Amino acid sequence: MAYTRSYTKPEQKLVERDKEMVPTILVRAMFVLCVCVLIIVSYARLTDRPLEAMPPSEAEVPVVQERVIRIFGQMDGSARVLDVDGNLIANLGPTEGGFVAGIYRVLERERGAVGLHASEPIRLVRFSDGRIGLRDDVTDFRAELFGFGADNEAVFARLLEE
């Protein structure tokens, strides 16, 4: 004898409500959207389309100012920035050095993969179009600082001026 469950009225109302919460047409539309994205990405990869969202390279937009720096970050958000000779450029406390310390942690990960220490020198550059970026010639790490907000970019702009 097959067992069938009979719902009580409150349970039946909940089952009906759950069916109505996500309409079937919406689920189908999301599936179609995912398939379309997959097709577009596959086409771009198979045809070797260039990465159009990338900022221009140094060959396209020249560097007008450059400074080689060493960054030392702490987990509390404080950071020290030195020039290549070991002279202190900036000593940033936890409230003002959080982004710089975050960059140090990214460098730890990137450089650790190739066996380097995070505090090795990195180039801080200003391009002719006004952008500021970090360039690591050893790991090919690039960071365009405008993407992290004006305040964070301003911290590195001050490092170029000091």
N, C-alpha and C. Protein backbone atom coordinates (compact mmCIF):
# COMPACT_ATOMS: atom_id res chain seq x y z
N MET A 1 0.83 -1.17 0.00
CA MET A 1 0.00 0.00 0.00
C MET A 1 0.89 1.24 0.00
N ALA A 2 0.67 2.13 -0.92
CA ALA A 2 1.48 3.34 -1.04
C ALA A 2 1.04 4.37 -0.01
N TYR A 3 2.01 4.99 0.55
CA TYR A 3 1.74 6.00 1.56
C TYR A 3 1.68 7.36 0.88
N THR A 4 0.64 8.05 1.05
CA THR A 4 0.52 9.41 0.52
C THR A 4 0.27 10.33 1.70
N ARG A 5 0.92 11.43 1.63
CA ARG A 5 0.79 12.39 2.71
C ARG A 5 -0.33 13.36 2.37
N SER A 6 -1.17 13.56 3.30
CA SER A 6 -2.22 14.54 3.10
C SER A 6 -1.82 15.80 3.88
N TYR A 7 -1.87 16.90 3.22
CA TYR A 7 -1.49 18.16 3.84
C TYR A 7 -2.65 18.73 4.64
N THR A 8 -2.28 19.31 5.74
CA THR A 8 -3.30 20.06 6.46
C THR A 8 -3.40 21.42 5.80
N LYS A 9 -4.40 22.14 6.10
CA LYS A 9 -4.61 23.43 5.44
C LYS A 9 -3.43 24.39 5.59
N PRO A 10 -2.86 24.58 6.79
CA PRO A 10 -1.72 25.51 6.88
C PRO A 10 -0.51 25.05 6.06
N GLU A 11 -0.22 23.74 6.06
CA GLU A 11 0.91 23.23 5.28
C GLU A 11 0.66 23.42 3.79
N GLN A 12 -0.56 23.19 3.36
CA GLN A 12 -0.90 23.33 1.95
C GLN A 12 -0.74 24.78 1.51
N LYS A 13 -1.11 25.70 2.37
CA LYS A 13 -0.96 27.11 2.04
C LYS A 13 0.51 27.48 1.90
N LEU A 14 1.36 26.91 2.76
CA LEU A 14 2.79 27.18 2.67
C LEU A 14 3.38 26.63 1.37
N VAL A 15 2.98 25.45 0.97
CA VAL A 15 3.46 24.85 -0.28
C VAL A 15 3.04 25.72 -1.45
N GLU A 16 1.80 26.16 -1.45
CA GLU A 16 1.32 27.02 -2.54
C GLU A 16 2.05 28.35 -2.54
N ARG A 17 2.31 28.91 -1.36
CA ARG A 17 3.03 30.18 -1.26
C ARG A 17 4.45 30.04 -1.81
N ASP A 18 5.14 28.93 -1.46
CA ASP A 18 6.50 28.73 -1.93
C ASP A 18 6.57 28.61 -3.45
N LYS A 19 5.56 28.02 -4.05
CA LYS A 19 5.53 27.92 -5.50
C LYS A 19 5.39 29.29 -6.14
N GLU A 20 4.70 30.19 -5.47
CA GLU A 20 4.47 31.52 -6.01
C GLU A 20 5.61 32.49 -5.75
N MET A 21 6.53 32.18 -4.81
CA MET A 21 7.60 33.13 -4.46
C MET A 21 8.56 33.38 -5.61
N VAL A 22 8.93 32.35 -6.34
CA VAL A 22 9.80 32.52 -7.50
C VAL A 22 9.02 32.03 -8.72
N PRO A 23 8.51 32.96 -9.48
CA PRO A 23 7.72 32.57 -10.64
C PRO A 23 8.54 31.76 -11.64
N THR A 24 7.93 30.80 -12.26
CA THR A 24 8.60 29.93 -13.23
C THR A 24 9.20 30.74 -14.37
N ILE A 25 8.52 31.77 -14.80
CA ILE A 25 9.04 32.58 -15.91
C ILE A 25 10.35 33.26 -15.53
N LEU A 26 10.49 33.66 -14.28
CA LEU A 26 11.72 34.29 -13.82
C LEU A 26 12.87 33.29 -13.79
N VAL A 27 12.62 32.09 -13.35
CA VAL A 27 13.65 31.04 -13.34
C VAL A 27 14.10 30.76 -14.77
N ARG A 28 13.17 30.67 -15.69
CA ARG A 28 13.52 30.42 -17.09
C ARG A 28 14.31 31.59 -17.68
N ALA A 29 13.93 32.80 -17.33
CA ALA A 29 14.65 33.98 -17.83
C ALA A 29 16.08 34.00 -17.30
N MET A 30 16.27 33.64 -16.04
CA MET A 30 17.64 33.59 -15.49
C MET A 30 18.47 32.51 -16.19
N PHE A 31 17.86 31.39 -16.49
CA PHE A 31 18.56 30.32 -17.21
C PHE A 31 18.97 30.80 -18.60
N VAL A 32 18.07 31.46 -19.30
CA VAL A 32 18.39 31.98 -20.64
C VAL A 32 19.51 33.01 -20.56
N LEU A 33 19.48 33.87 -19.55
CA LEU A 33 20.53 34.86 -19.37
C LEU A 33 21.88 34.19 -19.15
N CYS A 34 21.92 33.17 -18.32
CA CYS A 34 23.17 32.44 -18.06
C CYS A 34 23.70 31.79 -19.33
N VAL A 35 22.83 31.20 -20.11
CA VAL A 35 23.24 30.57 -21.37
C VAL A 35 23.79 31.63 -22.33
N CYS A 36 23.14 32.79 -22.41
CA CYS A 36 23.62 33.87 -23.29
C CYS A 36 25.00 34.35 -22.86
N VAL A 37 25.20 34.54 -21.56
CA VAL A 37 26.51 34.97 -21.07
C VAL A 37 27.57 33.92 -21.40
N LEU A 38 27.25 32.66 -21.21
CA LEU A 38 28.19 31.59 -21.53
C LEU A 38 28.55 31.60 -23.01
N ILE A 39 27.58 31.82 -23.88
CA ILE A 39 27.84 31.87 -25.32
C ILE A 39 28.74 33.06 -25.66
N ILE A 40 28.45 34.22 -25.11
CA ILE A 40 29.25 35.42 -25.40
C ILE A 40 30.68 35.25 -24.92
N VAL A 41 30.87 34.74 -23.71
CA VAL A 41 32.22 34.54 -23.17
C VAL A 41 32.97 33.49 -23.98
N SER A 42 32.30 32.42 -24.36
CA SER A 42 32.94 31.38 -25.18
C SER A 42 33.38 31.95 -26.52
N TYR A 43 32.52 32.73 -27.14
CA TYR A 43 32.87 33.36 -28.42
C TYR A 43 34.10 34.27 -28.27
N ALA A 44 34.11 35.07 -27.20
CA ALA A 44 35.23 35.98 -26.99
C ALA A 44 36.53 35.22 -26.77
N ARG A 45 36.48 34.14 -26.04
CA ARG A 45 37.69 33.35 -25.78
C ARG A 45 38.16 32.63 -27.04
N LEU A 46 37.24 32.06 -27.79
CA LEU A 46 37.61 31.30 -28.98
C LEU A 46 38.15 32.19 -30.09
N THR A 47 37.70 33.43 -30.16
CA THR A 47 38.16 34.34 -31.21
C THR A 47 39.28 35.25 -30.73
N ASP A 48 39.79 35.03 -29.50
CA ASP A 48 40.88 35.84 -28.93
C ASP A 48 40.60 37.34 -28.97
N ARG A 49 39.40 37.71 -28.60
CA ARG A 49 39.07 39.14 -28.52
C ARG A 49 39.96 39.80 -27.49
N PRO A 50 40.42 41.01 -27.77
CA PRO A 50 41.26 41.70 -26.78
C PRO A 50 40.44 42.14 -25.57
N LEU A 51 41.12 42.29 -24.45
CA LEU A 51 40.47 42.75 -23.23
C LEU A 51 40.25 44.25 -23.34
N GLU A 52 39.04 44.66 -23.66
CA GLU A 52 38.75 46.06 -23.93
C GLU A 52 38.58 46.89 -22.68
N ALA A 53 38.35 46.27 -21.54
CA ALA A 53 38.14 47.02 -20.31
C ALA A 53 39.44 47.35 -19.61
N MET A 54 40.55 46.94 -20.18
CA MET A 54 41.85 47.22 -19.57
C MET A 54 42.26 48.66 -19.84
N PRO A 55 42.88 49.32 -18.86
CA PRO A 55 43.38 50.67 -19.11
C PRO A 55 44.55 50.62 -20.09
N PRO A 56 44.85 51.73 -20.73
CA PRO A 56 45.94 51.74 -21.70
C PRO A 56 47.28 51.38 -21.05
N SER A 57 48.15 50.78 -21.83
CA SER A 57 49.46 50.36 -21.33
C SER A 57 50.43 51.54 -21.32
N GLU A 58 51.61 51.29 -20.77
CA GLU A 58 52.65 52.33 -20.73
C GLU A 58 53.10 52.72 -22.13
N ALA A 59 52.98 51.81 -23.08
CA ALA A 59 53.35 52.12 -24.46
C ALA A 59 52.37 53.10 -25.09
N GLU A 60 51.10 53.03 -24.68
CA GLU A 60 50.07 53.90 -25.24
C GLU A 60 50.00 55.25 -24.54
N VAL A 61 50.18 55.25 -23.22
CA VAL A 61 50.13 56.49 -22.43
C VAL A 61 51.43 56.56 -21.64
N PRO A 62 52.28 57.52 -21.93
CA PRO A 62 53.60 57.55 -21.29
C PRO A 62 53.54 57.90 -19.80
N VAL A 63 54.57 57.43 -19.10
CA VAL A 63 54.74 57.74 -17.68
C VAL A 63 55.40 59.11 -17.58
N VAL A 64 54.82 60.00 -16.74
CA VAL A 64 55.40 61.33 -16.57
C VAL A 64 56.11 61.49 -15.23
N GLN A 65 55.80 60.60 -14.29
CA GLN A 65 56.45 60.66 -12.99
C GLN A 65 56.53 59.25 -12.44
N GLU A 66 57.66 58.93 -11.83
CA GLU A 66 57.84 57.58 -11.30
C GLU A 66 58.66 57.64 -10.02
N ARG A 67 58.31 56.77 -9.10
CA ARG A 67 59.08 56.66 -7.86
C ARG A 67 59.11 55.18 -7.47
N VAL A 68 60.30 54.70 -7.14
CA VAL A 68 60.44 53.33 -6.69
C VAL A 68 60.36 53.33 -5.17
N ILE A 69 59.43 52.54 -4.64
CA ILE A 69 59.17 52.55 -3.20
C ILE A 69 59.18 51.12 -2.64
N ARG A 70 59.27 51.05 -1.34
CA ARG A 70 59.12 49.78 -0.60
C ARG A 70 57.99 49.98 0.39
N ILE A 71 57.08 49.04 0.43
CA ILE A 71 55.92 49.13 1.31
C ILE A 71 56.04 48.06 2.39
N PHE A 72 55.77 48.46 3.62
CA PHE A 72 55.72 47.53 4.75
C PHE A 72 54.38 47.75 5.45
N GLY A 73 53.51 46.76 5.40
CA GLY A 73 52.19 46.90 6.00
C GLY A 73 52.03 46.00 7.20
N GLN A 74 51.15 46.41 8.10
CA GLN A 74 50.84 45.64 9.31
C GLN A 74 49.37 45.23 9.26
N MET A 75 49.02 44.22 10.02
CA MET A 75 47.65 43.74 10.04
C MET A 75 46.69 44.74 10.70
N ASP A 76 47.21 45.65 11.52
CA ASP A 76 46.33 46.64 12.16
C ASP A 76 45.99 47.81 11.22
N GLY A 77 46.54 47.79 9.99
CA GLY A 77 46.24 48.85 9.03
C GLY A 77 47.32 49.90 8.93
N SER A 78 48.32 49.85 9.80
CA SER A 78 49.40 50.82 9.70
C SER A 78 50.39 50.37 8.62
N ALA A 79 51.12 51.33 8.09
CA ALA A 79 52.06 51.02 7.01
C ALA A 79 53.21 52.02 7.02
N ARG A 80 54.35 51.56 6.57
CA ARG A 80 55.51 52.43 6.36
C ARG A 80 55.90 52.32 4.90
N VAL A 81 56.28 53.45 4.32
CA VAL A 81 56.72 53.48 2.94
C VAL A 81 58.11 54.09 2.91
N LEU A 82 59.04 53.38 2.30
CA LEU A 82 60.44 53.82 2.21
C LEU A 82 60.83 53.96 0.75
N ASP A 83 61.85 54.77 0.49
CA ASP A 83 62.40 54.80 -0.86
C ASP A 83 63.42 53.66 -0.97
N VAL A 84 64.05 53.51 -2.13
CA VAL A 84 64.97 52.39 -2.34
C VAL A 84 66.22 52.50 -1.47
N ASP A 85 66.55 53.71 -1.00
CA ASP A 85 67.72 53.89 -0.14
C ASP A 85 67.39 53.65 1.33
N GLY A 86 66.15 53.39 1.65
CA GLY A 86 65.74 53.14 3.02
C GLY A 86 65.28 54.37 3.78
N ASN A 87 65.16 55.51 3.10
CA ASN A 87 64.67 56.73 3.74
C ASN A 87 63.15 56.67 3.88
N LEU A 88 62.67 57.08 5.04
CA LEU A 88 61.24 57.04 5.31
C LEU A 88 60.50 58.10 4.49
N ILE A 89 59.53 57.66 3.72
CA ILE A 89 58.69 58.58 2.94
C ILE A 89 57.42 58.88 3.73
N ALA A 90 56.81 57.83 4.29
CA ALA A 90 55.57 58.02 5.04
C ALA A 90 55.44 56.94 6.11
N ASN A 91 54.96 57.36 7.26
CA ASN A 91 54.65 56.44 8.35
C ASN A 91 53.17 56.62 8.64
N LEU A 92 52.36 55.69 8.14
CA LEU A 92 50.91 55.84 8.19
C LEU A 92 50.33 55.00 9.32
N GLY A 93 49.50 55.63 10.15
CA GLY A 93 48.85 54.94 11.25
C GLY A 93 47.71 54.06 10.77
N PRO A 94 47.10 53.32 11.69
CA PRO A 94 46.01 52.40 11.31
C PRO A 94 44.82 53.08 10.64
N THR A 95 44.55 54.34 10.97
CA THR A 95 43.39 55.01 10.38
C THR A 95 43.67 55.56 8.98
N GLU A 96 44.93 55.77 8.65
CA GLU A 96 45.25 56.36 7.34
C GLU A 96 46.01 55.42 6.42
N GLY A 97 46.52 54.32 6.93
CA GLY A 97 47.34 53.44 6.11
C GLY A 97 46.70 52.13 5.72
N GLY A 98 45.41 51.99 5.96
CA GLY A 98 44.73 50.72 5.70
C GLY A 98 44.84 50.26 4.26
N PHE A 99 44.67 51.17 3.31
CA PHE A 99 44.75 50.78 1.90
C PHE A 99 46.16 50.41 1.52
N VAL A 100 47.14 51.14 2.02
CA VAL A 100 48.54 50.84 1.72
C VAL A 100 48.91 49.48 2.31
N ALA A 101 48.46 49.20 3.54
CA ALA A 101 48.70 47.90 4.15
C ALA A 101 48.00 46.79 3.36
N GLY A 102 46.85 47.09 2.81
CA GLY A 102 46.14 46.12 1.96
C GLY A 102 46.92 45.81 0.70
N ILE A 103 47.51 46.83 0.11
CA ILE A 103 48.35 46.62 -1.07
C ILE A 103 49.55 45.74 -0.70
N TYR A 104 50.11 45.95 0.49
CA TYR A 104 51.23 45.13 0.95
C TYR A 104 50.81 43.65 1.01
N ARG A 105 49.60 43.38 1.50
CA ARG A 105 49.14 41.99 1.58
C ARG A 105 48.95 41.38 0.19
N VAL A 106 48.49 42.19 -0.76
CA VAL A 106 48.37 41.71 -2.15
C VAL A 106 49.76 41.39 -2.69
N LEU A 107 50.72 42.26 -2.42
CA LEU A 107 52.09 42.01 -2.87
C LEU A 107 52.67 40.76 -2.21
N GLU A 108 52.32 40.52 -0.95
CA GLU A 108 52.78 39.29 -0.28
C GLU A 108 52.30 38.06 -1.05
N ARG A 109 51.05 38.08 -1.44
CA ARG A 109 50.49 36.94 -2.17
C ARG A 109 51.13 36.80 -3.55
N GLU A 110 51.20 37.91 -4.30
CA GLU A 110 51.73 37.87 -5.66
C GLU A 110 53.21 37.49 -5.67
N ARG A 111 53.98 38.11 -4.82
CA ARG A 111 55.42 37.86 -4.80
C ARG A 111 55.77 36.55 -4.11
N GLY A 112 54.95 36.15 -3.14
CA GLY A 112 55.19 34.87 -2.48
C GLY A 112 55.09 33.71 -3.45
N ALA A 113 54.27 33.86 -4.48
CA ALA A 113 54.11 32.81 -5.48
C ALA A 113 55.38 32.59 -6.29
N VAL A 114 56.24 33.61 -6.36
CA VAL A 114 57.50 33.48 -7.11
C VAL A 114 58.71 33.50 -6.19
N GLY A 115 58.48 33.41 -4.88
CA GLY A 115 59.57 33.31 -3.92
C GLY A 115 60.22 34.62 -3.51
N LEU A 116 59.53 35.73 -3.70
CA LEU A 116 60.08 37.03 -3.30
C LEU A 116 59.39 37.54 -2.04
N HIS A 117 60.04 38.47 -1.37
CA HIS A 117 59.45 39.11 -0.20
C HIS A 117 58.59 40.29 -0.67
N ALA A 118 57.52 40.55 0.04
CA ALA A 118 56.58 41.61 -0.36
C ALA A 118 57.19 42.99 -0.32
N SER A 119 58.23 43.19 0.47
CA SER A 119 58.79 44.54 0.61
C SER A 119 59.85 44.87 -0.44
N GLU A 120 59.99 44.03 -1.44
CA GLU A 120 60.90 44.36 -2.54
C GLU A 120 60.37 45.62 -3.23
N PRO A 121 61.25 46.39 -3.88
CA PRO A 121 60.80 47.65 -4.50
C PRO A 121 59.72 47.44 -5.56
N ILE A 122 58.82 48.42 -5.63
CA ILE A 122 57.75 48.45 -6.63
C ILE A 122 57.68 49.86 -7.20
N ARG A 123 57.32 49.97 -8.46
CA ARG A 123 57.25 51.28 -9.10
C ARG A 123 55.87 51.90 -8.90
N LEU A 124 55.86 53.13 -8.43
CA LEU A 124 54.65 53.95 -8.31
C LEU A 124 54.74 54.97 -9.44
N VAL A 125 53.78 54.95 -10.35
CA VAL A 125 53.87 55.78 -11.56
C VAL A 125 52.64 56.65 -11.74
N ARG A 126 52.86 57.83 -12.34
CA ARG A 126 51.77 58.71 -12.76
C ARG A 126 51.87 58.80 -14.28
N PHE A 127 50.74 58.57 -14.95
CA PHE A 127 50.71 58.60 -16.40
C PHE A 127 50.32 59.99 -16.89
N SER A 128 50.55 60.23 -18.17
CA SER A 128 50.26 61.55 -18.74
C SER A 128 48.76 61.87 -18.71
N ASP A 129 47.91 60.86 -18.60
CA ASP A 129 46.47 61.13 -18.52
C ASP A 129 46.01 61.32 -17.07
N GLY A 130 46.94 61.35 -16.12
CA GLY A 130 46.62 61.62 -14.72
C GLY A 130 46.43 60.39 -13.85
N ARG A 131 46.33 59.21 -14.45
CA ARG A 131 46.16 57.99 -13.66
C ARG A 131 47.41 57.70 -12.84
N ILE A 132 47.21 57.06 -11.69
CA ILE A 132 48.32 56.62 -10.85
C ILE A 132 48.22 55.11 -10.74
N GLY A 133 49.36 54.44 -10.85
CA GLY A 133 49.34 52.99 -10.79
C GLY A 133 50.59 52.43 -10.14
N LEU A 134 50.51 51.17 -9.77
CA LEU A 134 51.65 50.43 -9.24
C LEU A 134 52.06 49.40 -10.28
N ARG A 135 53.36 49.24 -10.47
CA ARG A 135 53.88 48.28 -11.44
C ARG A 135 54.98 47.46 -10.79
N ASP A 136 54.85 46.15 -10.85
CA ASP A 136 55.88 45.24 -10.37
C ASP A 136 56.42 44.51 -11.58
N ASP A 137 57.64 44.82 -11.96
CA ASP A 137 58.21 44.24 -13.18
C ASP A 137 58.56 42.77 -13.02
N VAL A 138 58.71 42.28 -11.79
CA VAL A 138 59.07 40.89 -11.57
C VAL A 138 57.86 39.97 -11.75
N THR A 139 56.73 40.34 -11.16
CA THR A 139 55.54 39.48 -11.21
C THR A 139 54.51 39.94 -12.22
N ASP A 140 54.75 41.05 -12.89
CA ASP A 140 53.79 41.66 -13.83
C ASP A 140 52.51 42.10 -13.13
N PHE A 141 52.59 42.34 -11.81
CA PHE A 141 51.46 42.87 -11.06
C PHE A 141 51.23 44.32 -11.48
N ARG A 142 49.97 44.65 -11.76
CA ARG A 142 49.58 46.02 -12.11
C ARG A 142 48.36 46.38 -11.30
N ALA A 143 48.38 47.57 -10.74
CA ALA A 143 47.21 48.06 -10.02
C ALA A 143 46.93 49.48 -10.48
N GLU A 144 45.77 49.69 -11.02
CA GLU A 144 45.33 51.03 -11.40
C GLU A 144 44.58 51.58 -10.20
N LEU A 145 45.12 52.57 -9.54
CA LEU A 145 44.61 53.01 -8.25
C LEU A 145 43.31 53.81 -8.33
N PHE A 146 42.94 54.31 -9.51
CA PHE A 146 41.69 55.06 -9.63
C PHE A 146 40.50 54.15 -9.36
N GLY A 147 40.66 52.87 -9.52
CA GLY A 147 39.57 51.93 -9.31
C GLY A 147 39.25 51.69 -7.84
N PHE A 148 40.06 52.22 -6.94
CA PHE A 148 39.86 51.99 -5.51
C PHE A 148 39.32 53.23 -4.80
N GLY A 149 38.96 54.26 -5.55
CA GLY A 149 38.38 55.45 -4.95
C GLY A 149 39.38 56.59 -4.85
N ALA A 150 38.86 57.78 -4.82
CA ALA A 150 39.69 58.99 -4.83
C ALA A 150 40.55 59.10 -3.57
N ASP A 151 40.02 58.74 -2.42
CA ASP A 151 40.80 58.84 -1.18
C ASP A 151 42.00 57.92 -1.19
N ASN A 152 41.80 56.69 -1.64
CA ASN A 152 42.90 55.72 -1.69
C ASN A 152 43.93 56.12 -2.74
N GLU A 153 43.48 56.65 -3.85
CA GLU A 153 44.41 57.11 -4.88
C GLU A 153 45.20 58.31 -4.36
N ALA A 154 44.56 59.17 -3.59
CA ALA A 154 45.22 60.37 -3.06
C ALA A 154 46.37 60.01 -2.11
N VAL A 155 46.23 58.91 -1.37
CA VAL A 155 47.31 58.47 -0.48
C VAL A 155 48.57 58.20 -1.30
N PHE A 156 48.43 57.50 -2.41
CA PHE A 156 49.59 57.20 -3.24
C PHE A 156 50.05 58.44 -4.01
N ALA A 157 49.15 59.35 -4.35
CA ALA A 157 49.55 60.60 -5.00
C ALA A 157 50.46 61.40 -4.08
N ARG A 158 50.14 61.42 -2.78
CA ARG A 158 51.00 62.12 -1.81
C ARG A 158 52.37 61.46 -1.72
N LEU A 159 52.42 60.14 -1.88
CA LEU A 159 53.71 59.44 -1.84
C LEU A 159 54.58 59.84 -3.03
N LEU A 160 53.95 60.14 -4.13
CA LEU A 160 54.72 60.61 -5.30
C LEU A 160 55.30 61.99 -5.07
N GLU A 161 54.61 62.83 -4.30
CA GLU A 161 55.01 64.21 -4.09
C GLU A 161 56.04 64.37 -2.99
N GLU A 162 56.02 63.48 -1.99
CA GLU A 162 56.89 63.64 -0.82
C GLU A 162 58.34 63.34 -1.15
